[in-house]
Amino acid sequence: MLSEYSISAMGLLFLKTADIATKILLMEQVFIKRKLTQDLSLILLAPINNFLPYMGLVIYPILIYLSIS
């Protein structure tokens, strides 16, 4: 409402919605159904780079700034 429906605000909302939906679907498949494809199990066992958890600290403030301005 504050950003008057700008393209950046809608993009940020879409990214967060897709992020949360993906996490919910993965948790359901791994913990509730306990069915994993071979590709998904390889991805979950792959090591994560050191910078990946901190990437959101850089990307989301920039997107929030763009959506408000």
PDB file of N, CA and C in Angstrom:
ATOM      1  N   MET A   1       0.829  -1.189   0.000  1.00  0.00           N
ATOM      2  CA  MET A   1       0.000   0.000   0.000  1.00  0.00           C
ATOM      3  C   MET A   1       0.875   1.254   0.000  1.00  0.00           C
ATOM      4  N   LEU A   2       1.978   1.184   0.736  1.00  0.00           N
ATOM      5  CA  LEU A   2       2.869   2.333   0.846  1.00  0.00           C
ATOM      6  C   LEU A   2       3.576   2.617  -0.470  1.00  0.00           C
ATOM      7  N   SER A   3       3.813   1.604  -1.273  1.00  0.00           N
ATOM      8  CA  SER A   3       4.589   1.780  -2.498  1.00  0.00           C
ATOM      9  C   SER A   3       3.717   2.009  -3.722  1.00  0.00           C
ATOM     10  N   GLU A   4       2.426   2.111  -3.560  1.00  0.00           N
ATOM     11  CA  GLU A   4       1.482   2.368  -4.643  1.00  0.00           C
ATOM     12  C   GLU A   4       1.602   1.327  -5.747  1.00  0.00           C
ATOM     13  N   TYR A   5       1.785   0.069  -5.372  1.00  0.00           N
ATOM     14  CA  TYR A   5       1.827  -1.067  -6.296  1.00  0.00           C
ATOM     15  C   TYR A   5       2.892  -0.920  -7.379  1.00  0.00           C
ATOM     16  N   SER A   6       4.091  -0.547  -6.995  1.00  0.00           N
ATOM     17  CA  SER A   6       5.166  -0.414  -7.977  1.00  0.00           C
ATOM     18  C   SER A   6       5.628  -1.790  -8.436  1.00  0.00           C
ATOM     19  N   ILE A   7       6.335  -1.805  -9.540  1.00  0.00           N
ATOM     20  CA  ILE A   7       6.836  -3.059 -10.116  1.00  0.00           C
ATOM     21  C   ILE A   7       7.808  -3.728  -9.149  1.00  0.00           C
ATOM     22  N   SER A   8       8.653  -2.949  -8.491  1.00  0.00           N
ATOM     23  CA  SER A   8       9.619  -3.521  -7.554  1.00  0.00           C
ATOM     24  C   SER A   8       8.928  -4.158  -6.357  1.00  0.00           C
ATOM     25  N   ALA A   9       7.881  -3.524  -5.863  1.00  0.00           N
ATOM     26  CA  ALA A   9       7.151  -4.078  -4.723  1.00  0.00           C
ATOM     27  C   ALA A   9       6.452  -5.378  -5.109  1.00  0.00           C
ATOM     28  N   MET A  10       5.882  -5.417  -6.285  1.00  0.00           N
ATOM     29  CA  MET A  10       5.217  -6.637  -6.744  1.00  0.00           C
ATOM     30  C   MET A  10       6.247  -7.747  -6.996  1.00  0.00           C
ATOM     31  N   GLY A  11       7.423  -7.378  -7.492  1.00  0.00           N
ATOM     32  CA  GLY A  11       8.482  -8.364  -7.692  1.00  0.00           C
ATOM     33  C   GLY A  11       8.963  -8.941  -6.379  1.00  0.00           C
ATOM     34  N   LEU A  12       9.140  -8.095  -5.383  1.00  0.00           N
ATOM     35  CA  LEU A  12       9.558  -8.549  -4.060  1.00  0.00           C
ATOM     36  C   LEU A  12       8.499  -9.448  -3.432  1.00  0.00           C
ATOM     37  N   LEU A  13       7.252  -9.090  -3.569  1.00  0.00           N
ATOM     38  CA  LEU A  13       6.165  -9.917  -3.045  1.00  0.00           C
ATOM     39  C   LEU A  13       6.118 -11.273  -3.751  1.00  0.00           C
ATOM     40  N   PHE A  14       6.312 -11.280  -5.059  1.00  0.00           N
ATOM     41  CA  PHE A  14       6.335 -12.536  -5.808  1.00  0.00           C
ATOM     42  C   PHE A  14       7.499 -13.413  -5.384  1.00  0.00           C
ATOM     43  N   LEU A  15       8.698 -12.822  -5.211  1.00  0.00           N
ATOM     44  CA  LEU A  15       9.868 -13.599  -4.793  1.00  0.00           C
ATOM     45  C   LEU A  15       9.661 -14.234  -3.418  1.00  0.00           C
ATOM     46  N   LYS A  16       9.143 -13.473  -2.474  1.00  0.00           N
ATOM     47  CA  LYS A  16       8.923 -14.021  -1.132  1.00  0.00           C
ATOM     48  C   LYS A  16       7.837 -15.098  -1.135  1.00  0.00           C
ATOM     49  N   THR A  17       6.795 -14.911  -1.933  1.00  0.00           N
ATOM     50  CA  THR A  17       5.744 -15.917  -2.016  1.00  0.00           C
ATOM     51  C   THR A  17       6.290 -17.206  -2.622  1.00  0.00           C
ATOM     52  N   ALA A  18       7.070 -17.092  -3.688  1.00  0.00           N
ATOM     53  CA  ALA A  18       7.661 -18.276  -4.306  1.00  0.00           C
ATOM     54  C   ALA A  18       8.646 -18.951  -3.354  1.00  0.00           C
ATOM     55  N   ASP A  19       9.386 -18.172  -2.595  1.00  0.00           N
ATOM     56  CA  ASP A  19      10.350 -18.708  -1.639  1.00  0.00           C
ATOM     57  C   ASP A  19       9.639 -19.508  -0.541  1.00  0.00           C
ATOM     58  N   ILE A  20       8.607 -18.946   0.029  1.00  0.00           N
ATOM     59  CA  ILE A  20       7.878 -19.619   1.102  1.00  0.00           C
ATOM     60  C   ILE A  20       7.161 -20.855   0.575  1.00  0.00           C
ATOM     61  N   ALA A  21       6.561 -20.763  -0.606  1.00  0.00           N
ATOM     62  CA  ALA A  21       5.861 -21.913  -1.180  1.00  0.00           C
ATOM     63  C   ALA A  21       6.829 -23.052  -1.476  1.00  0.00           C
ATOM     64  N   THR A  22       8.011 -22.732  -1.980  1.00  0.00           N
ATOM     65  CA  THR A  22       9.017 -23.762  -2.257  1.00  0.00           C
ATOM     66  C   THR A  22       9.462 -24.445  -0.978  1.00  0.00           C
ATOM     67  N   LYS A  23       9.683 -23.674   0.068  1.00  0.00           N
ATOM     68  CA  LYS A  23      10.101 -24.262   1.341  1.00  0.00           C
ATOM     69  C   LYS A  23       9.017 -25.158   1.931  1.00  0.00           C
ATOM     70  N   ILE A  24       7.772 -24.748   1.830  1.00  0.00           N
ATOM     71  CA  ILE A  24       6.678 -25.564   2.353  1.00  0.00           C
ATOM     72  C   ILE A  24       6.569 -26.872   1.573  1.00  0.00           C
ATOM     73  N   LEU A  25       6.669 -26.803   0.252  1.00  0.00           N
ATOM     74  CA  LEU A  25       6.588 -28.021  -0.560  1.00  0.00           C
ATOM     75  C   LEU A  25       7.749 -28.965  -0.284  1.00  0.00           C
ATOM     76  N   LEU A  26       8.944 -28.430  -0.105  1.00  0.00           N
ATOM     77  CA  LEU A  26      10.097 -29.275   0.211  1.00  0.00           C
ATOM     78  C   LEU A  26       9.947 -29.932   1.577  1.00  0.00           C
ATOM     79  N   MET A  27       9.494 -29.178   2.570  1.00  0.00           N
ATOM     80  CA  MET A  27       9.302 -29.758   3.897  1.00  0.00           C
ATOM     81  C   MET A  27       8.242 -30.850   3.870  1.00  0.00           C
ATOM     82  N   GLU A  28       7.164 -30.635   3.115  1.00  0.00           N
ATOM     83  CA  GLU A  28       6.124 -31.638   3.017  1.00  0.00           C
ATOM     84  C   GLU A  28       6.666 -32.916   2.372  1.00  0.00           C
ATOM     85  N   GLN A  29       7.444 -32.752   1.306  1.00  0.00           N
ATOM     86  CA  GLN A  29       7.957 -33.920   0.605  1.00  0.00           C
ATOM     87  C   GLN A  29       8.995 -34.671   1.425  1.00  0.00           C
ATOM     88  N   VAL A  30       9.838 -33.956   2.149  1.00  0.00           N
ATOM     89  CA  VAL A  30      10.912 -34.608   2.904  1.00  0.00           C
ATOM     90  C   VAL A  30      10.404 -35.206   4.210  1.00  0.00           C
ATOM     91  N   PHE A  31       9.615 -34.468   4.973  1.00  0.00           N
ATOM     92  CA  PHE A  31       9.262 -34.904   6.325  1.00  0.00           C
ATOM     93  C   PHE A  31       7.919 -35.615   6.436  1.00  0.00           C
ATOM     94  N   ILE A  32       6.955 -35.287   5.595  1.00  0.00           N
ATOM     95  CA  ILE A  32       5.629 -35.889   5.721  1.00  0.00           C
ATOM     96  C   ILE A  32       5.485 -37.088   4.780  1.00  0.00           C
ATOM     97  N   LYS A  33       5.726 -36.874   3.494  1.00  0.00           N
ATOM     98  CA  LYS A  33       5.576 -37.964   2.520  1.00  0.00           C
ATOM     99  C   LYS A  33       6.773 -38.912   2.524  1.00  0.00           C
ATOM    100  N   ARG A  34       7.931 -38.398   2.897  1.00  0.00           N
ATOM    101  CA  ARG A  34       9.184 -39.170   2.915  1.00  0.00           C
ATOM    102  C   ARG A  34       9.471 -39.816   1.563  1.00  0.00           C
ATOM    103  N   LYS A  35       9.167 -39.087   0.502  1.00  0.00           N
ATOM    104  CA  LYS A  35       9.472 -39.523  -0.854  1.00  0.00           C
ATOM    105  C   LYS A  35      10.388 -38.492  -1.490  1.00  0.00           C
ATOM    106  N   LEU A  36      11.547 -38.923  -1.911  1.00  0.00           N
ATOM    107  CA  LEU A  36      12.491 -38.038  -2.569  1.00  0.00           C
ATOM    108  C   LEU A  36      12.919 -38.645  -3.894  1.00  0.00           C
ATOM    109  N   THR A  37      13.003 -37.810  -4.896  1.00  0.00           N
ATOM    110  CA  THR A  37      13.567 -38.271  -6.153  1.00  0.00           C
ATOM    111  C   THR A  37      15.089 -38.309  -6.016  1.00  0.00           C
ATOM    112  N   GLN A  38      15.726 -38.949  -6.935  1.00  0.00           N
ATOM    113  CA  GLN A  38      17.188 -39.036  -6.898  1.00  0.00           C
ATOM    114  C   GLN A  38      17.818 -37.649  -7.023  1.00  0.00           C
ATOM    115  N   ASP A  39      17.257 -36.819  -7.896  1.00  0.00           N
ATOM    116  CA  ASP A  39      17.800 -35.466  -8.083  1.00  0.00           C
ATOM    117  C   ASP A  39      17.656 -34.621  -6.830  1.00  0.00           C
ATOM    118  N   LEU A  40      16.505 -34.696  -6.192  1.00  0.00           N
ATOM    119  CA  LEU A  40      16.277 -33.908  -4.983  1.00  0.00           C
ATOM    120  C   LEU A  40      17.181 -34.351  -3.845  1.00  0.00           C
ATOM    121  N   SER A  41      17.395 -35.628  -3.714  1.00  0.00           N
ATOM    122  CA  SER A  41      18.284 -36.092  -2.643  1.00  0.00           C
ATOM    123  C   SER A  41      19.724 -35.665  -2.895  1.00  0.00           C
ATOM    124  N   LEU A  42      20.158 -35.628  -4.153  1.00  0.00           N
ATOM    125  CA  LEU A  42      21.507 -35.133  -4.462  1.00  0.00           C
ATOM    126  C   LEU A  42      21.639 -33.641  -4.155  1.00  0.00           C
ATOM    127  N   ILE A  43      20.595 -32.891  -4.452  1.00  0.00           N
ATOM    128  CA  ILE A  43      20.630 -31.446  -4.184  1.00  0.00           C
ATOM    129  C   ILE A  43      20.675 -31.181  -2.681  1.00  0.00           C
ATOM    130  N   LEU A  44      19.895 -31.921  -1.907  1.00  0.00           N
ATOM    131  CA  LEU A  44      19.865 -31.711  -0.460  1.00  0.00           C
ATOM    132  C   LEU A  44      21.166 -32.125   0.214  1.00  0.00           C
ATOM    133  N   LEU A  45      21.899 -33.050  -0.383  1.00  0.00           N
ATOM    134  CA  LEU A  45      23.165 -33.491   0.196  1.00  0.00           C
ATOM    135  C   LEU A  45      24.354 -32.660  -0.268  1.00  0.00           C
ATOM    136  N   ALA A  46      24.155 -31.795  -1.240  1.00  0.00           N
ATOM    137  CA  ALA A  46      25.249 -30.979  -1.765  1.00  0.00           C
ATOM    138  C   ALA A  46      25.652 -29.916  -0.737  1.00  0.00           C
ATOM    139  N   PRO A  47      26.941 -29.613  -0.648  1.00  0.00           N
ATOM    140  CA  PRO A  47      27.375 -28.569   0.286  1.00  0.00           C
ATOM    141  C   PRO A  47      26.931 -27.178  -0.176  1.00  0.00           C
ATOM    142  N   ILE A  48      26.683 -26.310   0.796  1.00  0.00           N
ATOM    143  CA  ILE A  48      26.253 -24.935   0.521  1.00  0.00           C
ATOM    144  C   ILE A  48      27.473 -24.026   0.599  1.00  0.00           C
ATOM    145  N   ASN A  49      27.583 -23.108  -0.363  1.00  0.00           N
ATOM    146  CA  ASN A  49      28.677 -22.140  -0.325  1.00  0.00           C
ATOM    147  C   ASN A  49      28.571 -21.250   0.902  1.00  0.00           C
ATOM    148  N   ASN A  50      29.687 -20.681   1.321  1.00  0.00           N
ATOM    149  CA  ASN A  50      29.704 -19.848   2.528  1.00  0.00           C
ATOM    150  C   ASN A  50      28.912 -18.554   2.366  1.00  0.00           C
ATOM    151  N   PHE A  51      28.850 -17.997   1.156  1.00  0.00           N
ATOM    152  CA  PHE A  51      28.184 -16.714   0.971  1.00  0.00           C
ATOM    153  C   PHE A  51      26.671 -16.853   0.795  1.00  0.00           C
ATOM    154  N   LEU A  52      26.172 -18.029   0.512  1.00  0.00           N
ATOM    155  CA  LEU A  52      24.749 -18.207   0.188  1.00  0.00           C
ATOM    156  C   LEU A  52      23.798 -17.803   1.316  1.00  0.00           C
ATOM    157  N   PRO A  53      24.040 -18.168   2.574  1.00  0.00           N
ATOM    158  CA  PRO A  53      23.104 -17.733   3.620  1.00  0.00           C
ATOM    159  C   PRO A  53      23.064 -16.219   3.816  1.00  0.00           C
ATOM    160  N   TYR A  54      24.135 -15.518   3.450  1.00  0.00           N
ATOM    161  CA  TYR A  54      24.195 -14.070   3.650  1.00  0.00           C
ATOM    162  C   TYR A  54      23.738 -13.278   2.432  1.00  0.00           C
ATOM    163  N   MET A  55      23.406 -13.968   1.349  1.00  0.00           N
ATOM    164  CA  MET A  55      22.997 -13.280   0.138  1.00  0.00           C
ATOM    165  C   MET A  55      21.687 -12.516   0.353  1.00  0.00           C
ATOM    166  N   GLY A  56      20.793 -13.040   1.180  1.00  0.00           N
ATOM    167  CA  GLY A  56      19.544 -12.352   1.469  1.00  0.00           C
ATOM    168  C   GLY A  56      19.752 -11.032   2.198  1.00  0.00           C
ATOM    169  N   LEU A  57      20.832 -10.931   2.961  1.00  0.00           N
ATOM    170  CA  LEU A  57      21.137  -9.674   3.651  1.00  0.00           C
ATOM    171  C   LEU A  57      21.479  -8.558   2.681  1.00  0.00           C
ATOM    172  N   VAL A  58      21.944  -8.919   1.507  1.00  0.00           N
ATOM    173  CA  VAL A  58      22.283  -7.920   0.496  1.00  0.00           C
ATOM    174  C   VAL A  58      21.109  -7.680  -0.445  1.00  0.00           C
ATOM    175  N   ILE A  59      20.460  -8.741  -0.878  1.00  0.00           N
ATOM    176  CA  ILE A  59      19.441  -8.620  -1.918  1.00  0.00           C
ATOM    177  C   ILE A  59      18.141  -8.004  -1.390  1.00  0.00           C
ATOM    178  N   TYR A  60      17.627  -8.466  -0.254  1.00  0.00           N
ATOM    179  CA  TYR A  60      16.320  -7.992   0.217  1.00  0.00           C
ATOM    180  C   TYR A  60      16.306  -6.518   0.618  1.00  0.00           C
ATOM    181  N   PRO A  61      17.311  -5.975   1.305  1.00  0.00           N
ATOM    182  CA  PRO A  61      17.249  -4.522   1.570  1.00  0.00           C
ATOM    183  C   PRO A  61      17.266  -3.682   0.297  1.00  0.00           C
ATOM    184  N   ILE A  62      17.999  -4.130  -0.720  1.00  0.00           N
ATOM    185  CA  ILE A  62      18.016  -3.398  -1.986  1.00  0.00           C
ATOM    186  C   ILE A  62      16.635  -3.455  -2.632  1.00  0.00           C
ATOM    187  N   LEU A  63      16.013  -4.610  -2.645  1.00  0.00           N
ATOM    188  CA  LEU A  63      14.680  -4.726  -3.230  1.00  0.00           C
ATOM    189  C   LEU A  63      13.633  -3.947  -2.450  1.00  0.00           C
ATOM    190  N   ILE A  64      13.747  -3.932  -1.134  1.00  0.00           N
ATOM    191  CA  ILE A  64      12.807  -3.148  -0.320  1.00  0.00           C
ATOM    192  C   ILE A  64      12.986  -1.657  -0.585  1.00  0.00           C
ATOM    193  N   TYR A  65      14.233  -1.217  -0.682  1.00  0.00           N
ATOM    194  CA  TYR A  65      14.486   0.197  -1.000  1.00  0.00           C
ATOM    195  C   TYR A  65      13.910   0.559  -2.361  1.00  0.00           C
ATOM    196  N   LEU A  66      14.115  -0.297  -3.357  1.00  0.00           N
ATOM    197  CA  LEU A  66      13.589  -0.024  -4.695  1.00  0.00           C
ATOM    198  C   LEU A  66      12.070  -0.024  -4.707  1.00  0.00           C
ATOM    199  N   SER A  67      11.451  -0.877  -3.910  1.00  0.00           N
ATOM    200  CA  SER A  67       9.994  -0.931  -3.928  1.00  0.00           C
ATOM    201  C   SER A  67       9.356   0.254  -3.208  1.00  0.00           C
ATOM    202  N   ILE A  68      10.038   0.815  -2.227  1.00  0.00           N
ATOM    203  CA  ILE A  68       9.476   1.965  -1.506  1.00  0.00           C
ATOM    204  C   ILE A  68       9.732   3.275  -2.257  1.00  0.00           C
ATOM    205  N   SER A  69      10.883   3.376  -2.901  1.00  0.00           N
ATOM    206  CA  SER A  69      11.208   4.641  -3.591  1.00  0.00           C
ATOM    207  C   SER A  69      10.577   4.740  -4.950  1.00  0.00           C
TER     208      SER A  69
END
